[in-house]
Amino acid sequence: MASRLKEIVKKYGKVALGVHFSVSGVSISGFYIAIKNNVDVESLLDKYQIPWFSSDEKASAEEQSRQLAKSAGGALALAVLCNKALFPIRVPITMALTPPIARFLRQRKIVG
C-alpha cells in the first residue's frame, strides 16, 4: 500500500502530498472533535477491527486514554494516534482523490 502511495506521489508530486496532508488534517480534526465530545473512539476502532492495542495492553491503555482525553494536548495526541491507525484507509482515499484534483488544478492552470 505504501508503494502505491509512493507511485501516486511520484506521478502527481505536490498535488498528491497536498491531498494526503489534507485528508490527514480532516481526519485528525474529526477525531479531535469526537474525542473532546466524549465519543468512545476506541470502541469504534475495535468495532471496525482497526488495530489499536493488543488485548494485554487494552485495560491500562483505556484508562490512560481517558485521562489523556481530558486535556487538550492529550486529546490531540489521541487524535493523531487514531489518524495513524487509519493509514490503510487514508491511502486509498488519497489515491482516489488525487487524479481528479490534479486534473482540476491543471484545467485552472494552478499547477503545471
PDB file of N, CA and C in Angstrom:
ATOM      1  N   MET A   1       0.825  -1.188   0.000  1.00  0.00           N
ATOM      2  CA  MET A   1       0.000   0.000   0.000  1.00  0.00           C
ATOM      3  C   MET A   1       0.872   1.255   0.000  1.00  0.00           C
ATOM      4  N   ALA A   2       1.926   1.246   0.791  1.00  0.00           N
ATOM      5  CA  ALA A   2       2.823   2.402   0.832  1.00  0.00           C
ATOM      6  C   ALA A   2       3.499   2.605  -0.511  1.00  0.00           C
ATOM      7  N   SER A   3       3.775   1.506  -1.228  1.00  0.00           N
ATOM      8  CA  SER A   3       4.407   1.632  -2.544  1.00  0.00           C
ATOM      9  C   SER A   3       3.456   2.298  -3.541  1.00  0.00           C
ATOM     10  N   ARG A   4       2.159   2.007  -3.420  1.00  0.00           N
ATOM     11  CA  ARG A   4       1.177   2.654  -4.297  1.00  0.00           C
ATOM     12  C   ARG A   4       1.122   4.151  -4.013  1.00  0.00           C
ATOM     13  N   LEU A   5       1.229   4.503  -2.724  1.00  0.00           N
ATOM     14  CA  LEU A   5       1.249   5.918  -2.353  1.00  0.00           C
ATOM     15  C   LEU A   5       2.481   6.598  -2.944  1.00  0.00           C
ATOM     16  N   LYS A   6       3.619   5.910  -2.894  1.00  0.00           N
ATOM     17  CA  LYS A   6       4.849   6.466  -3.473  1.00  0.00           C
ATOM     18  C   LYS A   6       4.691   6.682  -4.972  1.00  0.00           C
ATOM     19  N   GLU A   7       4.013   5.751  -5.662  1.00  0.00           N
ATOM     20  CA  GLU A   7       3.788   5.903  -7.100  1.00  0.00           C
ATOM     21  C   GLU A   7       2.926   7.133  -7.389  1.00  0.00           C
ATOM     22  N   ILE A   8       1.884   7.314  -6.592  1.00  0.00           N
ATOM     23  CA  ILE A   8       0.998   8.469  -6.775  1.00  0.00           C
ATOM     24  C   ILE A   8       1.773   9.764  -6.530  1.00  0.00           C
ATOM     25  N   VAL A   9       2.597   9.788  -5.484  1.00  0.00           N
ATOM     26  CA  VAL A   9       3.393  10.983  -5.173  1.00  0.00           C
ATOM     27  C   VAL A   9       4.383  11.256  -6.293  1.00  0.00           C
ATOM     28  N   LYS A  10       4.987  10.198  -6.826  1.00  0.00           N
ATOM     29  CA  LYS A  10       5.949  10.364  -7.916  1.00  0.00           C
ATOM     30  C   LYS A  10       5.263  10.921  -9.165  1.00  0.00           C
ATOM     31  N   LYS A  11       4.047  10.441  -9.429  1.00  0.00           N
ATOM     32  CA  LYS A  11       3.326  10.866 -10.630  1.00  0.00           C
ATOM     33  C   LYS A  11       2.738  12.267 -10.494  1.00  0.00           C
ATOM     34  N   TYR A  12       2.149  12.576  -9.340  1.00  0.00           N
ATOM     35  CA  TYR A  12       1.430  13.840  -9.174  1.00  0.00           C
ATOM     36  C   TYR A  12       2.158  14.863  -8.308  1.00  0.00           C
ATOM     37  N   GLY A  13       3.246  14.463  -7.668  1.00  0.00           N
ATOM     38  CA  GLY A  13       4.082  15.385  -6.907  1.00  0.00           C
ATOM     39  C   GLY A  13       3.374  16.114  -5.786  1.00  0.00           C
ATOM     40  N   LYS A  14       3.483  17.446  -5.829  1.00  0.00           N
ATOM     41  CA  LYS A  14       2.965  18.288  -4.749  1.00  0.00           C
ATOM     42  C   LYS A  14       1.459  18.143  -4.567  1.00  0.00           C
ATOM     43  N   VAL A  15       0.763  17.888  -5.641  1.00  0.00           N
ATOM     44  CA  VAL A  15      -0.691  17.740  -5.539  1.00  0.00           C
ATOM     45  C   VAL A  15      -1.023  16.535  -4.664  1.00  0.00           C
ATOM     46  N   ALA A  16      -0.331  15.409  -4.885  1.00  0.00           N
ATOM     47  CA  ALA A  16      -0.575  14.203  -4.093  1.00  0.00           C
ATOM     48  C   ALA A  16      -0.251  14.445  -2.622  1.00  0.00           C
ATOM     49  N   LEU A  17       0.846  15.127  -2.363  1.00  0.00           N
ATOM     50  CA  LEU A  17       1.195  15.433  -0.973  1.00  0.00           C
ATOM     51  C   LEU A  17       0.157  16.346  -0.337  1.00  0.00           C
ATOM     52  N   GLY A  18      -0.286  17.340  -1.083  1.00  0.00           N
ATOM     53  CA  GLY A  18      -1.307  18.242  -0.567  1.00  0.00           C
ATOM     54  C   GLY A  18      -2.607  17.516  -0.251  1.00  0.00           C
ATOM     55  N   VAL A  19      -3.007  16.613  -1.142  1.00  0.00           N
ATOM     56  CA  VAL A  19      -4.228  15.835  -0.911  1.00  0.00           C
ATOM     57  C   VAL A  19      -4.056  14.952   0.316  1.00  0.00           C
ATOM     58  N   HIS A  20      -2.914  14.268   0.400  1.00  0.00           N
ATOM     59  CA  HIS A  20      -2.682  13.361   1.520  1.00  0.00           C
ATOM     60  C   HIS A  20      -2.669  14.112   2.855  1.00  0.00           C
ATOM     61  N   PHE A  21      -1.981  15.248   2.905  1.00  0.00           N
ATOM     62  CA  PHE A  21      -1.945  16.028   4.137  1.00  0.00           C
ATOM     63  C   PHE A  21      -3.320  16.630   4.462  1.00  0.00           C
ATOM     64  N   SER A  22      -4.082  16.981   3.443  1.00  0.00           N
ATOM     65  CA  SER A  22      -5.433  17.499   3.680  1.00  0.00           C
ATOM     66  C   SER A  22      -6.340  16.417   4.256  1.00  0.00           C
ATOM     67  N   VAL A  23      -6.254  15.208   3.697  1.00  0.00           N
ATOM     68  CA  VAL A  23      -7.050  14.089   4.216  1.00  0.00           C
ATOM     69  C   VAL A  23      -6.645  13.817   5.665  1.00  0.00           C
ATOM     70  N   SER A  24      -5.343  13.858   5.945  1.00  0.00           N
ATOM     71  CA  SER A  24      -4.869  13.646   7.318  1.00  0.00           C
ATOM     72  C   SER A  24      -5.377  14.744   8.246  1.00  0.00           C
ATOM     73  N   GLY A  25      -5.340  15.977   7.783  1.00  0.00           N
ATOM     74  CA  GLY A  25      -5.815  17.090   8.595  1.00  0.00           C
ATOM     75  C   GLY A  25      -7.287  16.975   8.929  1.00  0.00           C
ATOM     76  N   VAL A  26      -8.082  16.575   7.957  1.00  0.00           N
ATOM     77  CA  VAL A  26      -9.517  16.383   8.192  1.00  0.00           C
ATOM     78  C   VAL A  26      -9.729  15.235   9.175  1.00  0.00           C
ATOM     79  N   SER A  27      -8.960  14.171   9.003  1.00  0.00           N
ATOM     80  CA  SER A  27      -9.071  13.009   9.892  1.00  0.00           C
ATOM     81  C   SER A  27      -8.713  13.378  11.332  1.00  0.00           C
ATOM     82  N   ILE A  28      -7.599  14.058  11.513  1.00  0.00           N
ATOM     83  CA  ILE A  28      -7.170  14.458  12.862  1.00  0.00           C
ATOM     84  C   ILE A  28      -8.192  15.407  13.481  1.00  0.00           C
ATOM     85  N   SER A  29      -8.677  16.361  12.691  1.00  0.00           N
ATOM     86  CA  SER A  29      -9.677  17.301  13.214  1.00  0.00           C
ATOM     87  C   SER A  29     -10.950  16.581  13.645  1.00  0.00           C
ATOM     88  N   GLY A  30     -11.391  15.658  12.821  1.00  0.00           N
ATOM     89  CA  GLY A  30     -12.594  14.903  13.157  1.00  0.00           C
ATOM     90  C   GLY A  30     -12.423  14.080  14.419  1.00  0.00           C
ATOM     91  N   PHE A  31     -11.279  13.407  14.542  1.00  0.00           N
ATOM     92  CA  PHE A  31     -11.021  12.633  15.748  1.00  0.00           C
ATOM     93  C   PHE A  31     -10.916  13.535  16.972  1.00  0.00           C
ATOM     94  N   TYR A  32     -10.262  14.671  16.827  1.00  0.00           N
ATOM     95  CA  TYR A  32     -10.122  15.595  17.955  1.00  0.00           C
ATOM     96  C   TYR A  32     -11.503  16.037  18.442  1.00  0.00           C
ATOM     97  N   ILE A  33     -12.358  16.432  17.512  1.00  0.00           N
ATOM     98  CA  ILE A  33     -13.704  16.876  17.878  1.00  0.00           C
ATOM     99  C   ILE A  33     -14.471  15.733  18.536  1.00  0.00           C
ATOM    100  N   ALA A  34     -14.345  14.531  17.977  1.00  0.00           N
ATOM    101  CA  ALA A  34     -15.044  13.378  18.556  1.00  0.00           C
ATOM    102  C   ALA A  34     -14.548  13.082  19.970  1.00  0.00           C
ATOM    103  N   ILE A  35     -13.245  13.127  20.163  1.00  0.00           N
ATOM    104  CA  ILE A  35     -12.674  12.842  21.486  1.00  0.00           C
ATOM    105  C   ILE A  35     -13.101  13.901  22.494  1.00  0.00           C
ATOM    106  N   LYS A  36     -13.066  15.158  22.098  1.00  0.00           N
ATOM    107  CA  LYS A  36     -13.468  16.234  23.011  1.00  0.00           C
ATOM    108  C   LYS A  36     -14.961  16.182  23.332  1.00  0.00           C
ATOM    109  N   ASN A  37     -15.757  15.547  22.459  1.00  0.00           N
ATOM    110  CA  ASN A  37     -17.191  15.411  22.702  1.00  0.00           C
ATOM    111  C   ASN A  37     -17.541  14.052  23.302  1.00  0.00           C
ATOM    112  N   ASN A  38     -16.532  13.405  23.888  1.00  0.00           N
ATOM    113  CA  ASN A  38     -16.713  12.149  24.621  1.00  0.00           C
ATOM    114  C   ASN A  38     -17.225  10.982  23.788  1.00  0.00           C
ATOM    115  N   VAL A  39     -16.932  10.959  22.496  1.00  0.00           N
ATOM    116  CA  VAL A  39     -17.252   9.797  21.676  1.00  0.00           C
ATOM    117  C   VAL A  39     -16.230   8.717  22.007  1.00  0.00           C
ATOM    118  N   ASP A  40     -16.677   7.498  22.193  1.00  0.00           N
ATOM    119  CA  ASP A  40     -15.773   6.399  22.530  1.00  0.00           C
ATOM    120  C   ASP A  40     -15.085   5.913  21.255  1.00  0.00           C
ATOM    121  N   VAL A  41     -14.010   6.585  20.895  1.00  0.00           N
ATOM    122  CA  VAL A  41     -13.289   6.300  19.661  1.00  0.00           C
ATOM    123  C   VAL A  41     -12.697   4.897  19.691  1.00  0.00           C
ATOM    124  N   GLU A  42     -12.240   4.461  20.850  1.00  0.00           N
ATOM    125  CA  GLU A  42     -11.634   3.127  20.962  1.00  0.00           C
ATOM    126  C   GLU A  42     -12.623   2.035  20.587  1.00  0.00           C
ATOM    127  N   SER A  43     -13.871   2.180  21.011  1.00  0.00           N
ATOM    128  CA  SER A  43     -14.892   1.189  20.661  1.00  0.00           C
ATOM    129  C   SER A  43     -15.132   1.159  19.163  1.00  0.00           C
ATOM    130  N   LEU A  44     -15.128   2.345  18.550  1.00  0.00           N
ATOM    131  CA  LEU A  44     -15.317   2.399  17.103  1.00  0.00           C
ATOM    132  C   LEU A  44     -14.176   1.712  16.370  1.00  0.00           C
ATOM    133  N   LEU A  45     -12.941   1.951  16.827  1.00  0.00           N
ATOM    134  CA  LEU A  45     -11.798   1.299  16.192  1.00  0.00           C
ATOM    135  C   LEU A  45     -11.874  -0.209  16.367  1.00  0.00           C
ATOM    136  N   ASP A  46     -12.284  -0.648  17.559  1.00  0.00           N
ATOM    137  CA  ASP A  46     -12.444  -2.087  17.801  1.00  0.00           C
ATOM    138  C   ASP A  46     -13.563  -2.669  16.939  1.00  0.00           C
ATOM    139  N   LYS A  47     -14.661  -1.942  16.828  1.00  0.00           N
ATOM    140  CA  LYS A  47     -15.814  -2.417  16.064  1.00  0.00           C
ATOM    141  C   LYS A  47     -15.449  -2.687  14.612  1.00  0.00           C
ATOM    142  N   TYR A  48     -14.641  -1.825  14.035  1.00  0.00           N
ATOM    143  CA  TYR A  48     -14.237  -1.983  12.638  1.00  0.00           C
ATOM    144  C   TYR A  48     -12.915  -2.715  12.492  1.00  0.00           C
ATOM    145  N   GLN A  49     -12.471  -3.340  13.584  1.00  0.00           N
ATOM    146  CA  GLN A  49     -11.271  -4.174  13.627  1.00  0.00           C
ATOM    147  C   GLN A  49     -10.027  -3.443  13.124  1.00  0.00           C
ATOM    148  N   ILE A  50      -9.907  -2.195  13.558  1.00  0.00           N
ATOM    149  CA  ILE A  50      -8.710  -1.413  13.246  1.00  0.00           C
ATOM    150  C   ILE A  50      -7.775  -1.570  14.422  1.00  0.00           C
ATOM    151  N   PRO A  51      -6.535  -2.007  14.195  1.00  0.00           N
ATOM    152  CA  PRO A  51      -5.612  -2.258  15.311  1.00  0.00           C
ATOM    153  C   PRO A  51      -5.412  -1.018  16.166  1.00  0.00           C
ATOM    154  N   TRP A  52      -5.508  -1.211  17.449  1.00  0.00           N
ATOM    155  CA  TRP A  52      -5.356  -0.102  18.392  1.00  0.00           C
ATOM    156  C   TRP A  52      -4.356  -0.512  19.447  1.00  0.00           C
ATOM    157  N   PHE A  53      -4.701  -1.458  20.285  1.00  0.00           N
ATOM    158  CA  PHE A  53      -3.810  -2.030  21.284  1.00  0.00           C
ATOM    159  C   PHE A  53      -4.051  -3.528  21.315  1.00  0.00           C
ATOM    160  N   SER A  54      -3.046  -4.282  21.733  1.00  0.00           N
ATOM    161  CA  SER A  54      -3.270  -5.712  21.918  1.00  0.00           C
ATOM    162  C   SER A  54      -4.149  -5.908  23.147  1.00  0.00           C
ATOM    163  N   SER A  55      -4.748  -7.075  23.283  1.00  0.00           N
ATOM    164  CA  SER A  55      -5.683  -7.310  24.387  1.00  0.00           C
ATOM    165  C   SER A  55      -5.006  -7.190  25.748  1.00  0.00           C
ATOM    166  N   ASP A  56      -3.707  -7.523  25.832  1.00  0.00           N
ATOM    167  CA  ASP A  56      -2.987  -7.399  27.099  1.00  0.00           C
ATOM    168  C   ASP A  56      -2.834  -5.946  27.526  1.00  0.00           C
ATOM    169  N   GLU A  57      -2.626  -5.087  26.550  1.00  0.00           N
ATOM    170  CA  GLU A  57      -2.391  -3.675  26.838  1.00  0.00           C
ATOM    171  C   GLU A  57      -3.688  -2.891  26.971  1.00  0.00           C
ATOM    172  N   LYS A  58      -4.806  -3.490  26.566  1.00  0.00           N
ATOM    173  CA  LYS A  58      -6.055  -2.753  26.421  1.00  0.00           C
ATOM    174  C   LYS A  58      -6.551  -2.118  27.715  1.00  0.00           C
ATOM    175  N   ALA A  59      -6.559  -2.853  28.829  1.00  0.00           N
ATOM    176  CA  ALA A  59      -7.112  -2.312  30.079  1.00  0.00           C
ATOM    177  C   ALA A  59      -6.358  -1.074  30.538  1.00  0.00           C
ATOM    178  N   SER A  60      -5.046  -1.144  30.577  1.00  0.00           N
ATOM    179  CA  SER A  60      -4.277   0.020  31.008  1.00  0.00           C
ATOM    180  C   SER A  60      -4.335   1.129  29.968  1.00  0.00           C
ATOM    181  N   ALA A  61      -4.383   0.775  28.710  1.00  0.00           N
ATOM    182  CA  ALA A  61      -4.441   1.772  27.646  1.00  0.00           C
ATOM    183  C   ALA A  61      -5.756   2.536  27.675  1.00  0.00           C
ATOM    184  N   GLU A  62      -6.855   1.859  27.986  1.00  0.00           N
ATOM    185  CA  GLU A  62      -8.143   2.542  28.050  1.00  0.00           C
ATOM    186  C   GLU A  62      -8.146   3.593  29.156  1.00  0.00           C
ATOM    187  N   GLU A  63      -7.597   3.253  30.304  1.00  0.00           N
ATOM    188  CA  GLU A  63      -7.533   4.204  31.409  1.00  0.00           C
ATOM    189  C   GLU A  63      -6.631   5.384  31.059  1.00  0.00           C
ATOM    190  N   GLN A  64      -5.488   5.092  30.441  1.00  0.00           N
ATOM    191  CA  GLN A  64      -4.569   6.164  30.052  1.00  0.00           C
ATOM    192  C   GLN A  64      -5.217   7.076  29.014  1.00  0.00           C
ATOM    193  N   SER A  65      -5.926   6.487  28.058  1.00  0.00           N
ATOM    194  CA  SER A  65      -6.533   7.311  27.022  1.00  0.00           C
ATOM    195  C   SER A  65      -7.659   8.177  27.581  1.00  0.00           C
ATOM    196  N   ARG A  66      -8.391   7.678  28.565  1.00  0.00           N
ATOM    197  CA  ARG A  66      -9.424   8.509  29.210  1.00  0.00           C
ATOM    198  C   ARG A  66      -8.800   9.713  29.901  1.00  0.00           C
ATOM    199  N   GLN A  67      -7.677   9.471  30.572  1.00  0.00           N
ATOM    200  CA  GLN A  67      -7.004  10.580  31.257  1.00  0.00           C
ATOM    201  C   GLN A  67      -6.432  11.569  30.246  1.00  0.00           C
ATOM    202  N   LEU A  68      -5.857  11.051  29.157  1.00  0.00           N
ATOM    203  CA  LEU A  68      -5.294  11.926  28.130  1.00  0.00           C
ATOM    204  C   LEU A  68      -6.371  12.780  27.470  1.00  0.00           C
ATOM    205  N   ALA A  69      -7.530  12.194  27.230  1.00  0.00           N
ATOM    206  CA  ALA A  69      -8.593  12.897  26.519  1.00  0.00           C
ATOM    207  C   ALA A  69      -9.107  14.100  27.290  1.00  0.00           C
ATOM    208  N   LYS A  70      -8.871  14.143  28.589  1.00  0.00           N
ATOM    209  CA  LYS A  70      -9.346  15.261  29.402  1.00  0.00           C
ATOM    210  C   LYS A  70      -8.583  16.551  29.107  1.00  0.00           C
ATOM    211  N   SER A  71      -7.344  16.439  28.639  1.00  0.00           N
ATOM    212  CA  SER A  71      -6.570  17.633  28.325  1.00  0.00           C
ATOM    213  C   SER A  71      -6.577  17.874  26.820  1.00  0.00           C
ATOM    214  N   ALA A  72      -6.390  19.138  26.428  1.00  0.00           N
ATOM    215  CA  ALA A  72      -6.400  19.470  25.004  1.00  0.00           C
ATOM    216  C   ALA A  72      -5.232  18.802  24.280  1.00  0.00           C
ATOM    217  N   GLY A  73      -4.053  18.844  24.879  1.00  0.00           N
ATOM    218  CA  GLY A  73      -2.888  18.215  24.265  1.00  0.00           C
ATOM    219  C   GLY A  73      -3.034  16.705  24.184  1.00  0.00           C
ATOM    220  N   GLY A  74      -3.626  16.132  25.218  1.00  0.00           N
ATOM    221  CA  GLY A  74      -3.847  14.684  25.220  1.00  0.00           C
ATOM    222  C   GLY A  74      -4.861  14.279  24.177  1.00  0.00           C
ATOM    223  N   ALA A  75      -5.915  15.074  24.025  1.00  0.00           N
ATOM    224  CA  ALA A  75      -6.926  14.780  23.007  1.00  0.00           C
ATOM    225  C   ALA A  75      -6.313  14.873  21.621  1.00  0.00           C
ATOM    226  N   LEU A  76      -5.432  15.845  21.419  1.00  0.00           N
ATOM    227  CA  LEU A  76      -4.754  15.970  20.133  1.00  0.00           C
ATOM    228  C   LEU A  76      -3.841  14.771  19.888  1.00  0.00           C
ATOM    229  N   ALA A  77      -3.135  14.344  20.925  1.00  0.00           N
ATOM    230  CA  ALA A  77      -2.256  13.173  20.785  1.00  0.00           C
ATOM    231  C   ALA A  77      -3.071  11.930  20.438  1.00  0.00           C
ATOM    232  N   LEU A  78      -4.208  11.751  21.092  1.00  0.00           N
ATOM    233  CA  LEU A  78      -5.067  10.611  20.763  1.00  0.00           C
ATOM    234  C   LEU A  78      -5.611  10.718  19.340  1.00  0.00           C
ATOM    235  N   ALA A  79      -5.944  11.923  18.910  1.00  0.00           N
ATOM    236  CA  ALA A  79      -6.435  12.118  17.545  1.00  0.00           C
ATOM    237  C   ALA A  79      -5.363  11.747  16.526  1.00  0.00           C
ATOM    238  N   VAL A  80      -4.124  12.121  16.811  1.00  0.00           N
ATOM    239  CA  VAL A  80      -3.018  11.771  15.908  1.00  0.00           C
ATOM    240  C   VAL A  80      -2.807  10.257  15.886  1.00  0.00           C
ATOM    241  N   LEU A  81      -2.902   9.604  17.043  1.00  0.00           N
ATOM    242  CA  LEU A  81      -2.762   8.142  17.092  1.00  0.00           C
ATOM    243  C   LEU A  81      -3.871   7.453  16.310  1.00  0.00           C
ATOM    244  N   CYS A  82      -5.088   7.936  16.460  1.00  0.00           N
ATOM    245  CA  CYS A  82      -6.201   7.365  15.695  1.00  0.00           C
ATOM    246  C   CYS A  82      -5.978   7.568  14.198  1.00  0.00           C
ATOM    247  N   ASN A  83      -5.476   8.734  13.839  1.00  0.00           N
ATOM    248  CA  ASN A  83      -5.165   9.018  12.443  1.00  0.00           C
ATOM    249  C   ASN A  83      -4.120   8.039  11.919  1.00  0.00           C
ATOM    250  N   LYS A  84      -3.106   7.750  12.734  1.00  0.00           N
ATOM    251  CA  LYS A  84      -2.084   6.779  12.343  1.00  0.00           C
ATOM    252  C   LYS A  84      -2.693   5.403  12.121  1.00  0.00           C
ATOM    253  N   ALA A  85      -3.635   5.035  12.990  1.00  0.00           N
ATOM    254  CA  ALA A  85      -4.282   3.727  12.870  1.00  0.00           C
ATOM    255  C   ALA A  85      -5.086   3.615  11.573  1.00  0.00           C
ATOM    256  N   LEU A  86      -5.534   4.734  11.072  1.00  0.00           N
ATOM    257  CA  LEU A  86      -6.337   4.730   9.846  1.00  0.00           C
ATOM    258  C   LEU A  86      -5.517   4.900   8.572  1.00  0.00           C
ATOM    259  N   PHE A  87      -4.215   4.769   8.644  1.00  0.00           N
ATOM    260  CA  PHE A  87      -3.366   4.901   7.458  1.00  0.00           C
ATOM    261  C   PHE A  87      -3.839   3.995   6.315  1.00  0.00           C
ATOM    262  N   PRO A  88      -4.178   2.729   6.588  1.00  0.00           N
ATOM    263  CA  PRO A  88      -4.637   1.871   5.484  1.00  0.00           C
ATOM    264  C   PRO A  88      -5.936   2.348   4.834  1.00  0.00           C
ATOM    265  N   ILE A  89      -6.671   3.191   5.508  1.00  0.00           N
ATOM    266  CA  ILE A  89      -7.902   3.733   4.927  1.00  0.00           C
ATOM    267  C   ILE A  89      -7.622   5.056   4.226  1.00  0.00           C
ATOM    268  N   ARG A  90      -6.696   5.842   4.771  1.00  0.00           N
ATOM    269  CA  ARG A  90      -6.376   7.145   4.179  1.00  0.00           C
ATOM    270  C   ARG A  90      -5.667   7.026   2.835  1.00  0.00           C
ATOM    271  N   VAL A  91      -4.833   5.998   2.654  1.00  0.00           N
ATOM    272  CA  VAL A  91      -4.090   5.851   1.395  1.00  0.00           C
ATOM    273  C   VAL A  91      -5.030   5.669   0.207  1.00  0.00           C
ATOM    274  N   PRO A  92      -6.011   4.751   0.268  1.00  0.00           N
ATOM    275  CA  PRO A  92      -6.925   4.645  -0.878  1.00  0.00           C
ATOM    276  C   PRO A  92      -7.731   5.920  -1.128  1.00  0.00           C
ATOM    277  N   ILE A  93      -8.064   6.636  -0.060  1.00  0.00           N
ATOM    278  CA  ILE A  93      -8.774   7.906  -0.231  1.00  0.00           C
ATOM    279  C   ILE A  93      -7.878   8.886  -0.987  1.00  0.00           C
ATOM    280  N   THR A  94      -6.613   8.959  -0.600  1.00  0.00           N
ATOM    281  CA  THR A  94      -5.657   9.835  -1.281  1.00  0.00           C
ATOM    282  C   THR A  94      -5.521   9.430  -2.743  1.00  0.00           C
ATOM    283  N   MET A  95      -5.407   8.125  -2.990  1.00  0.00           N
ATOM    284  CA  MET A  95      -5.229   7.651  -4.363  1.00  0.00           C
ATOM    285  C   MET A  95      -6.470   7.934  -5.209  1.00  0.00           C
ATOM    286  N   ALA A  96      -7.632   7.900  -4.615  1.00  0.00           N
ATOM    287  CA  ALA A  96      -8.857   8.174  -5.362  1.00  0.00           C
ATOM    288  C   ALA A  96      -9.051   9.667  -5.634  1.00  0.00           C
ATOM    289  N   LEU A  97      -8.669  10.508  -4.682  1.00  0.00           N
ATOM    290  CA  LEU A  97      -8.903  11.946  -4.826  1.00  0.00           C
ATOM    291  C   LEU A  97      -7.837  12.675  -5.642  1.00  0.00           C
ATOM    292  N   THR A  98      -6.616  12.171  -5.637  1.00  0.00           N
ATOM    293  CA  THR A  98      -5.517  12.899  -6.272  1.00  0.00           C
ATOM    294  C   THR A  98      -5.703  13.124  -7.770  1.00  0.00           C
ATOM    295  N   PRO A  99      -6.002  12.110  -8.586  1.00  0.00           N
ATOM    296  CA  PRO A  99      -6.131  12.378 -10.033  1.00  0.00           C
ATOM    297  C   PRO A  99      -7.194  13.421 -10.392  1.00  0.00           C
ATOM    298  N   PRO A 100      -8.417  13.352  -9.836  1.00  0.00           N
ATOM    299  CA  PRO A 100      -9.376  14.399 -10.218  1.00  0.00           C
ATOM    300  C   PRO A 100      -8.979  15.790  -9.722  1.00  0.00           C
ATOM    301  N   ILE A 101      -8.366  15.864  -8.560  1.00  0.00           N
ATOM    302  CA  ILE A 101      -7.941  17.171  -8.056  1.00  0.00           C
ATOM    303  C   ILE A 101      -6.809  17.717  -8.918  1.00  0.00           C
ATOM    304  N   ALA A 102      -5.861  16.849  -9.307  1.00  0.00           N
ATOM    305  CA  ALA A 102      -4.764  17.281 -10.189  1.00  0.00           C
ATOM    306  C   ALA A 102      -5.318  17.765 -11.529  1.00  0.00           C
ATOM    307  N   ARG A 103      -6.297  17.054 -12.073  1.00  0.00           N
ATOM    308  CA  ARG A 103      -6.926  17.444 -13.344  1.00  0.00           C
ATOM    309  C   ARG A 103      -7.596  18.807 -13.199  1.00  0.00           C
ATOM    310  N   PHE A 104      -8.318  18.991 -12.107  1.00  0.00           N
ATOM    311  CA  PHE A 104      -8.991  20.262 -11.847  1.00  0.00           C
ATOM    312  C   PHE A 104      -7.980  21.404 -11.752  1.00  0.00           C
ATOM    313  N   LEU A 105      -6.896  21.180 -11.023  1.00  0.00           N
ATOM    314  CA  LEU A 105      -5.882  22.226 -10.856  1.00  0.00           C
ATOM    315  C   LEU A 105      -5.163  22.534 -12.167  1.00  0.00           C
ATOM    316  N   ARG A 106      -4.966  21.508 -13.014  1.00  0.00           N
ATOM    317  CA  ARG A 106      -4.336  21.736 -14.326  1.00  0.00           C
ATOM    318  C   ARG A 106      -5.263  22.536 -15.239  1.00  0.00           C
ATOM    319  N   GLN A 107      -6.548  22.210 -15.221  1.00  0.00           N
ATOM    320  CA  GLN A 107      -7.511  22.940 -16.047  1.00  0.00           C
ATOM    321  C   GLN A 107      -7.553  24.415 -15.678  1.00  0.00           C
ATOM    322  N   ARG A 108      -7.396  24.708 -14.410  1.00  0.00           N
ATOM    323  CA  ARG A 108      -7.419  26.089 -13.916  1.00  0.00           C
ATOM    324  C   ARG A 108      -6.039  26.742 -14.008  1.00  0.00           C
ATOM    325  N   LYS A 109      -5.067  25.967 -14.510  1.00  0.00           N
ATOM    326  CA  LYS A 109      -3.674  26.435 -14.671  1.00  0.00           C
ATOM    327  C   LYS A 109      -3.063  26.869 -13.340  1.00  0.00           C
ATOM    328  N   ILE A 110      -3.464  26.170 -12.266  1.00  0.00           N
ATOM    329  CA  ILE A 110      -2.886  26.441 -10.956  1.00  0.00           C
ATOM    330  C   ILE A 110      -1.588  25.671 -10.784  1.00  0.00           C
ATOM    331  N   VAL A 111      -1.540  24.461 -11.337  1.00  0.00           N
ATOM    332  CA  VAL A 111      -0.302  23.676 -11.360  1.00  0.00           C
ATOM    333  C   VAL A 111       0.006  23.319 -12.813  1.00  0.00           C
ATOM    334  N   GLY A 112       1.306  23.031 -13.057  1.00  0.00           N
ATOM    335  CA  GLY A 112       1.715  22.730 -14.427  1.00  0.00           C
ATOM    336  C   GLY A 112       1.687  21.306 -14.795  1.00  0.00           C
TER     337      GLY A 112
END
